[in-house]
Amino acid sequence: MERLSWQWIGEHEAGVTRRFNRVGRYPELLRAFRYISRLGDGIFWYILMIVMYVWAGQTALPVILQMIAAGLTATLLYKWLKKKTVRPRPHHQFCNIHCLTVPLDRFSFPSGHTLHAVTFSVVAIAYYPTLAWLLIPFTLLVAASRLVLGLHYLTDVLAGMALGGVVAVLSFLVF
């Protein structure tokens, strides 16, 4: 029986990553996904917290503090997992998957952008359900951008989604 490894998993999901990565052939779409990815670096979430404070005033502070605490927890978790799993990025394993932007770090698992997007979205929507129309599509676009830009495999993104959900739910237990 073949040993389960990142290489083996990558070989079985490389086709999905390649299909997403082909979107990068279209300059307008590539530009859009790079922009979405850049916003997902944190800019979008910081702006959201500022807007929430401007819009709701002091009542938004507990939500913002919960988002910050959950975000810091997500950062510690994903950095720890990347050091432990050391999964190579798709473009390091497959020459027909192209890295279409500069990665923030060396390893692939899990997708930190997706983890944070889900964490922040779940917390914000729990308090302000009217934000769902904006945050759900943006979160899905951030997740897709990781595949389009050749930075992650589908399992990296799905793990980021699952972990982001867990971090968000746990943050409700603390707050």
C-alpha atoms as a PDB file:
ATOM      1  CA  MET A   1       0.000   0.000   0.000  1.00  0.00           C
ATOM      2  CA  GLU A   2       1.346   3.383  -1.015  1.00  0.00           C
ATOM      3  CA  ARG A   3       2.277   5.598   1.892  1.00  0.00           C
ATOM      4  CA  LEU A   4       0.019   8.610   2.409  1.00  0.00           C
ATOM      5  CA  SER A   5       2.150  11.727   1.930  1.00  0.00           C
ATOM      6  CA  TRP A   6       1.877  15.321   0.765  1.00  0.00           C
ATOM      7  CA  GLN A   7       3.379  14.242  -2.570  1.00  0.00           C
ATOM      8  CA  TRP A   8       0.745  11.537  -3.028  1.00  0.00           C
ATOM      9  CA  ILE A   9      -2.104  13.854  -1.994  1.00  0.00           C
ATOM     10  CA  GLY A  10      -0.725  16.602  -4.250  1.00  0.00           C
ATOM     11  CA  GLU A  11      -0.590  14.289  -7.240  1.00  0.00           C
ATOM     12  CA  HIS A  12      -4.243  13.401  -6.723  1.00  0.00           C
ATOM     13  CA  GLU A  13      -5.444  16.980  -6.459  1.00  0.00           C
ATOM     14  CA  ALA A  14      -3.031  18.722  -8.835  1.00  0.00           C
ATOM     15  CA  GLY A  15      -5.620  18.567 -11.644  1.00  0.00           C
ATOM     16  CA  VAL A  16      -8.060  20.726  -9.685  1.00  0.00           C
ATOM     17  CA  THR A  17      -5.314  23.205  -8.850  1.00  0.00           C
ATOM     18  CA  ARG A  18      -4.225  23.316 -12.521  1.00  0.00           C
ATOM     19  CA  ARG A  19      -7.779  24.071 -13.667  1.00  0.00           C
ATOM     20  CA  PHE A  20      -8.087  26.989 -11.250  1.00  0.00           C
ATOM     21  CA  ASN A  21      -4.549  28.140 -12.091  1.00  0.00           C
ATOM     22  CA  ARG A  22      -5.478  28.401 -15.797  1.00  0.00           C
ATOM     23  CA  VAL A  23      -7.746  31.330 -14.935  1.00  0.00           C
ATOM     24  CA  GLY A  24      -4.489  33.259 -14.534  1.00  0.00           C
ATOM     25  CA  ARG A  25      -4.083  33.187 -18.325  1.00  0.00           C
ATOM     26  CA  TYR A  26      -6.640  35.961 -18.560  1.00  0.00           C
ATOM     27  CA  PRO A  27      -5.012  39.263 -17.547  1.00  0.00           C
ATOM     28  CA  GLU A  28      -8.193  40.901 -16.220  1.00  0.00           C
ATOM     29  CA  LEU A  29      -9.080  37.907 -14.064  1.00  0.00           C
ATOM     30  CA  LEU A  30      -5.502  37.537 -12.877  1.00  0.00           C
ATOM     31  CA  ARG A  31      -5.445  41.193 -11.863  1.00  0.00           C
ATOM     32  CA  ALA A  32      -8.775  40.783 -10.018  1.00  0.00           C
ATOM     33  CA  PHE A  33      -7.634  37.686  -8.110  1.00  0.00           C
ATOM     34  CA  ARG A  34      -4.327  39.323  -7.184  1.00  0.00           C
ATOM     35  CA  TYR A  35      -6.287  42.301  -5.859  1.00  0.00           C
ATOM     36  CA  ILE A  36      -8.658  40.061  -3.880  1.00  0.00           C
ATOM     37  CA  SER A  37      -5.691  38.161  -2.461  1.00  0.00           C
ATOM     38  CA  ARG A  38      -3.989  41.404  -1.462  1.00  0.00           C
ATOM     39  CA  LEU A  39      -7.172  42.606   0.268  1.00  0.00           C
ATOM     40  CA  GLY A  40      -7.314  39.236   2.037  1.00  0.00           C
ATOM     41  CA  ASP A  41      -3.814  39.875   3.467  1.00  0.00           C
ATOM     42  CA  GLY A  42      -5.606  41.884   6.153  1.00  0.00           C
ATOM     43  CA  ILE A  43      -6.483  45.191   4.516  1.00  0.00           C
ATOM     44  CA  PHE A  44     -10.138  44.245   3.952  1.00  0.00           C
ATOM     45  CA  TRP A  45     -10.560  43.017   7.533  1.00  0.00           C
ATOM     46  CA  TYR A  46      -8.955  46.112   9.093  1.00  0.00           C
ATOM     47  CA  ILE A  47     -11.187  48.360   7.001  1.00  0.00           C
ATOM     48  CA  LEU A  48     -14.215  46.268   7.989  1.00  0.00           C
ATOM     49  CA  MET A  49     -13.412  46.709  11.685  1.00  0.00           C
ATOM     50  CA  ILE A  50     -13.003  50.474  11.248  1.00  0.00           C
ATOM     51  CA  VAL A  51     -16.296  50.703   9.344  1.00  0.00           C
ATOM     52  CA  MET A  52     -18.035  48.625  12.018  1.00  0.00           C
ATOM     53  CA  TYR A  53     -16.790  51.033  14.681  1.00  0.00           C
ATOM     54  CA  VAL A  54     -17.801  54.108  12.671  1.00  0.00           C
ATOM     55  CA  TRP A  55     -21.205  52.568  11.925  1.00  0.00           C
ATOM     56  CA  ALA A  56     -22.040  51.080  15.355  1.00  0.00           C
ATOM     57  CA  GLY A  57     -19.773  53.011  17.707  1.00  0.00           C
ATOM     58  CA  GLN A  58     -18.952  51.562  21.113  1.00  0.00           C
ATOM     59  CA  THR A  59     -21.345  48.631  20.605  1.00  0.00           C
ATOM     60  CA  ALA A  60     -18.998  47.294  17.923  1.00  0.00           C
ATOM     61  CA  LEU A  61     -15.995  47.128  20.278  1.00  0.00           C
ATOM     62  CA  PRO A  62     -16.750  43.648  21.680  1.00  0.00           C
ATOM     63  CA  VAL A  63     -17.163  42.312  18.131  1.00  0.00           C
ATOM     64  CA  ILE A  64     -13.942  43.963  16.977  1.00  0.00           C
ATOM     65  CA  LEU A  65     -12.040  42.648  20.004  1.00  0.00           C
ATOM     66  CA  GLN A  66     -13.385  39.161  19.346  1.00  0.00           C
ATOM     67  CA  MET A  67     -12.317  39.429  15.694  1.00  0.00           C
ATOM     68  CA  ILE A  68      -8.831  40.551  16.736  1.00  0.00           C
ATOM     69  CA  ALA A  69      -8.468  37.754  19.303  1.00  0.00           C
ATOM     70  CA  ALA A  70      -9.770  35.144  16.849  1.00  0.00           C
ATOM     71  CA  GLY A  71      -7.469  36.527  14.146  1.00  0.00           C
ATOM     72  CA  LEU A  72      -4.420  36.292  16.402  1.00  0.00           C
ATOM     73  CA  THR A  73      -5.396  32.743  17.351  1.00  0.00           C
ATOM     74  CA  ALA A  74      -5.801  31.867  13.653  1.00  0.00           C
ATOM     75  CA  THR A  75      -2.354  33.308  12.919  1.00  0.00           C
ATOM     76  CA  LEU A  76      -0.686  31.280  15.670  1.00  0.00           C
ATOM     77  CA  LEU A  77      -2.496  28.124  14.549  1.00  0.00           C
ATOM     78  CA  TYR A  78      -1.659  28.434  10.873  1.00  0.00           C
ATOM     79  CA  LYS A  79       2.005  29.324  11.537  1.00  0.00           C
ATOM     80  CA  TRP A  80       2.338  26.323  13.853  1.00  0.00           C
ATOM     81  CA  LEU A  81       0.677  24.015  11.309  1.00  0.00           C
ATOM     82  CA  LYS A  82       2.860  25.265   8.447  1.00  0.00           C
ATOM     83  CA  LYS A  83       5.996  24.510  10.485  1.00  0.00           C
ATOM     84  CA  LYS A  84       4.693  21.060  11.428  1.00  0.00           C
ATOM     85  CA  THR A  85       3.348  19.959   8.037  1.00  0.00           C
ATOM     86  CA  VAL A  86       5.937  21.605   5.721  1.00  0.00           C
ATOM     87  CA  ARG A  87       3.792  20.911   2.667  1.00  0.00           C
ATOM     88  CA  PRO A  88       5.398  22.323  -0.490  1.00  0.00           C
ATOM     89  CA  ARG A  89       3.379  24.782  -2.541  1.00  0.00           C
ATOM     90  CA  PRO A  90       1.874  23.411  -5.782  1.00  0.00           C
ATOM     91  CA  HIS A  91       4.273  25.316  -8.027  1.00  0.00           C
ATOM     92  CA  HIS A  92       7.195  23.677  -6.201  1.00  0.00           C
ATOM     93  CA  GLN A  93       5.856  20.206  -6.965  1.00  0.00           C
ATOM     94  CA  PHE A  94       4.427  20.632 -10.454  1.00  0.00           C
ATOM     95  CA  CYS A  95       6.010  22.590 -13.302  1.00  0.00           C
ATOM     96  CA  ASN A  96       2.628  23.123 -14.994  1.00  0.00           C
ATOM     97  CA  ILE A  97       1.212  24.971 -11.976  1.00  0.00           C
ATOM     98  CA  HIS A  98       2.450  28.543 -11.996  1.00  0.00           C
ATOM     99  CA  CYS A  99       2.903  30.847  -9.032  1.00  0.00           C
ATOM    100  CA  LEU A 100       1.180  34.055 -10.137  1.00  0.00           C
ATOM    101  CA  THR A 101       2.015  36.232  -7.134  1.00  0.00           C
ATOM    102  CA  VAL A 102       4.646  36.349  -4.417  1.00  0.00           C
ATOM    103  CA  PRO A 103       3.809  33.954  -1.551  1.00  0.00           C
ATOM    104  CA  LEU A 104       3.913  35.337   1.978  1.00  0.00           C
ATOM    105  CA  ASP A 105       5.689  32.251   3.285  1.00  0.00           C
ATOM    106  CA  ARG A 106       7.241  29.006   2.108  1.00  0.00           C
ATOM    107  CA  PHE A 107       4.678  26.304   2.824  1.00  0.00           C
ATOM    108  CA  SER A 108       1.182  25.540   1.633  1.00  0.00           C
ATOM    109  CA  PHE A 109      -0.866  23.852   4.362  1.00  0.00           C
ATOM    110  CA  PRO A 110      -3.227  25.328   5.452  1.00  0.00           C
ATOM    111  CA  SER A 111      -4.310  28.421   3.555  1.00  0.00           C
ATOM    112  CA  GLY A 112      -3.909  31.253   6.052  1.00  0.00           C
ATOM    113  CA  HIS A 113      -5.856  33.677   3.859  1.00  0.00           C
ATOM    114  CA  THR A 114      -8.836  31.317   3.807  1.00  0.00           C
ATOM    115  CA  LEU A 115      -8.533  30.520   7.515  1.00  0.00           C
ATOM    116  CA  HIS A 116      -8.639  34.219   8.404  1.00  0.00           C
ATOM    117  CA  ALA A 117     -11.394  35.046   5.914  1.00  0.00           C
ATOM    118  CA  VAL A 118     -13.680  32.380   7.378  1.00  0.00           C
ATOM    119  CA  THR A 119     -12.792  33.293  10.965  1.00  0.00           C
ATOM    120  CA  PHE A 120     -13.484  37.001  10.498  1.00  0.00           C
ATOM    121  CA  SER A 121     -16.594  36.426   8.396  1.00  0.00           C
ATOM    122  CA  VAL A 122     -18.222  33.997  10.831  1.00  0.00           C
ATOM    123  CA  VAL A 123     -17.647  36.321  13.787  1.00  0.00           C
ATOM    124  CA  ALA A 124     -18.795  39.461  11.953  1.00  0.00           C
ATOM    125  CA  ILE A 125     -21.896  37.825  10.434  1.00  0.00           C
ATOM    126  CA  ALA A 126     -22.922  36.377  13.813  1.00  0.00           C
ATOM    127  CA  TYR A 127     -23.258  39.928  15.164  1.00  0.00           C
ATOM    128  CA  TYR A 128     -24.184  41.710  11.927  1.00  0.00           C
ATOM    129  CA  PRO A 129     -26.085  39.259   9.673  1.00  0.00           C
ATOM    130  CA  THR A 130     -26.669  42.012   7.113  1.00  0.00           C
ATOM    131  CA  LEU A 131     -22.957  41.789   6.246  1.00  0.00           C
ATOM    132  CA  ALA A 132     -23.413  38.262   4.847  1.00  0.00           C
ATOM    133  CA  TRP A 133     -24.123  39.576   1.332  1.00  0.00           C
ATOM    134  CA  LEU A 134     -20.611  41.089   1.288  1.00  0.00           C
ATOM    135  CA  LEU A 135     -18.548  38.740   3.444  1.00  0.00           C
ATOM    136  CA  ILE A 136     -19.629  35.363   2.061  1.00  0.00           C
ATOM    137  CA  PRO A 137     -18.782  36.190  -1.583  1.00  0.00           C
ATOM    138  CA  PHE A 138     -15.549  37.914  -0.554  1.00  0.00           C
ATOM    139  CA  THR A 139     -14.492  34.914   1.550  1.00  0.00           C
ATOM    140  CA  LEU A 140     -15.209  32.532  -1.343  1.00  0.00           C
ATOM    141  CA  LEU A 141     -13.224  34.757  -3.711  1.00  0.00           C
ATOM    142  CA  VAL A 142     -10.284  34.836  -1.289  1.00  0.00           C
ATOM    143  CA  ALA A 143     -10.380  31.026  -1.132  1.00  0.00           C
ATOM    144  CA  ALA A 144     -10.544  30.764  -4.934  1.00  0.00           C
ATOM    145  CA  SER A 145      -7.699  33.253  -5.313  1.00  0.00           C
ATOM    146  CA  ARG A 146      -5.355  30.894  -3.473  1.00  0.00           C
ATOM    147  CA  LEU A 147      -5.981  28.221  -6.129  1.00  0.00           C
ATOM    148  CA  VAL A 148      -5.987  30.591  -9.101  1.00  0.00           C
ATOM    149  CA  LEU A 149      -2.666  32.106  -8.040  1.00  0.00           C
ATOM    150  CA  GLY A 150      -1.115  28.642  -7.711  1.00  0.00           C
ATOM    151  CA  LEU A 151      -0.322  29.090  -4.028  1.00  0.00           C
ATOM    152  CA  HIS A 152      -2.449  26.296  -2.545  1.00  0.00           C
ATOM    153  CA  TYR A 153      -4.105  22.983  -3.205  1.00  0.00           C
ATOM    154  CA  LEU A 154      -7.816  22.446  -2.660  1.00  0.00           C
ATOM    155  CA  THR A 155      -7.129  20.552   0.588  1.00  0.00           C
ATOM    156  CA  ASP A 156      -5.169  23.568   1.895  1.00  0.00           C
ATOM    157  CA  VAL A 157      -8.148  25.809   1.214  1.00  0.00           C
ATOM    158  CA  LEU A 158     -10.697  23.363   2.642  1.00  0.00           C
ATOM    159  CA  ALA A 159      -8.557  22.909   5.767  1.00  0.00           C
ATOM    160  CA  GLY A 160      -8.340  26.703   6.075  1.00  0.00           C
ATOM    161  CA  MET A 161     -12.133  26.910   5.874  1.00  0.00           C
ATOM    162  CA  ALA A 162     -12.635  24.200   8.491  1.00  0.00           C
ATOM    163  CA  LEU A 163     -10.020  25.611  10.861  1.00  0.00           C
ATOM    164  CA  GLY A 164     -11.401  29.121  10.435  1.00  0.00           C
ATOM    165  CA  GLY A 165     -14.840  27.849  11.393  1.00  0.00           C
ATOM    166  CA  VAL A 166     -13.441  26.099  14.461  1.00  0.00           C
ATOM    167  CA  VAL A 167     -11.487  29.183  15.580  1.00  0.00           C
ATOM    168  CA  ALA A 168     -14.584  31.373  15.136  1.00  0.00           C
ATOM    169  CA  VAL A 169     -16.828  28.987  17.083  1.00  0.00           C
ATOM    170  CA  LEU A 170     -14.263  28.687  19.875  1.00  0.00           C
ATOM    171  CA  SER A 171     -14.043  32.475  20.042  1.00  0.00           C
ATOM    172  CA  PHE A 172     -17.754  32.554  20.929  1.00  0.00           C
ATOM    173  CA  LEU A 173     -17.046  30.275  23.894  1.00  0.00           C
ATOM    174  CA  VAL A 174     -14.393  32.695  25.129  1.00  0.00           C
ATOM    175  CA  PHE A 175     -16.369  35.874  24.427  1.00  0.00           C
END
